[in-house]
Amino acid sequence: MSKFAKALLVSAAATGAAALLLNQLDLKAARPAPDPGLPGPNPDDIAQEDVEMMLNELASQL
């Protein structure tokens, strides 16, 4: 088999494999909403008990 035919065959196989993998992925799927149980970047949203626990943990590390 000529080098050109081998290259064409390998290229076709790689293209087919890539098409199958991309077909499995749903790139247009909606991303899940963030978990509301986790505190956000706003410090006012963190419960007072959690603040005390974090401060105690920080103090124990110092």
Protein backbone atom coordinates (compact mmCIF):
# COMPACT_ATOMS: atom_id res chain seq x y z
CA MET A 1 0.00 0.00 0.00
CA SER A 2 1.37 3.42 -0.81
CA LYS A 3 2.23 5.97 1.85
CA PHE A 4 -0.56 8.20 0.60
CA ALA A 5 -3.18 5.48 0.99
CA LYS A 6 -1.92 4.62 4.50
CA ALA A 7 -2.02 8.27 5.51
CA LEU A 8 -5.52 8.62 4.10
CA LEU A 9 -6.69 5.52 5.97
CA VAL A 10 -5.19 6.69 9.28
CA SER A 11 -6.68 10.15 8.78
CA ALA A 12 -10.12 8.69 8.07
CA ALA A 13 -9.92 6.46 11.15
CA ALA A 14 -8.89 9.39 13.36
CA THR A 15 -11.68 11.55 11.96
CA GLY A 16 -14.24 8.80 12.57
CA ALA A 17 -13.04 8.26 16.14
CA ALA A 18 -13.18 11.99 16.84
CA ALA A 19 -16.69 12.20 15.38
CA LEU A 20 -17.87 9.34 17.60
CA LEU A 21 -16.40 10.95 20.71
CA LEU A 22 -17.83 14.37 19.94
CA ASN A 23 -21.21 12.81 19.24
CA GLN A 24 -21.17 11.35 22.77
CA LEU A 25 -20.59 14.80 24.29
CA ASP A 26 -23.54 17.12 24.50
CA LEU A 27 -21.79 20.44 24.12
CA LYS A 28 -25.05 22.38 24.16
CA ALA A 29 -26.19 20.93 27.48
CA ALA A 30 -26.94 23.45 30.19
CA ARG A 31 -24.42 23.63 32.98
CA PRO A 32 -25.79 22.70 36.39
CA ALA A 33 -26.59 25.52 38.77
CA PRO A 34 -24.13 26.03 41.61
CA ASP A 35 -24.94 24.14 44.80
CA PRO A 36 -26.91 26.51 47.04
CA GLY A 37 -25.57 24.70 50.14
CA LEU A 38 -22.07 26.10 49.62
CA PRO A 39 -21.37 29.61 50.88
CA GLY A 40 -20.78 32.15 48.16
CA PRO A 41 -18.11 34.82 48.00
CA ASN A 42 -20.29 37.15 50.06
CA PRO A 43 -19.16 36.89 53.72
CA ASP A 44 -22.60 37.94 54.91
CA ASP A 45 -24.01 34.68 53.55
CA ILE A 46 -21.88 32.52 55.90
CA ALA A 47 -23.54 31.33 59.10
CA GLN A 48 -22.07 32.62 62.36
CA GLU A 49 -21.27 29.07 63.53
CA ASP A 50 -19.26 28.47 60.36
CA VAL A 51 -17.34 31.71 60.90
CA GLU A 52 -16.49 30.71 64.47
CA MET A 53 -15.42 27.23 63.34
CA MET A 54 -13.16 28.67 60.63
CA LEU A 55 -11.62 31.16 63.05
CA ASN A 56 -10.97 28.41 65.59
CA GLU A 57 -9.36 26.25 62.90
CA LEU A 58 -7.21 29.16 61.79
CA ALA A 59 -6.17 29.89 65.37
CA SER A 60 -5.22 26.26 65.94
CA GLN A 61 -2.96 26.37 62.86
CA LEU A 62 -1.06 29.43 64.09
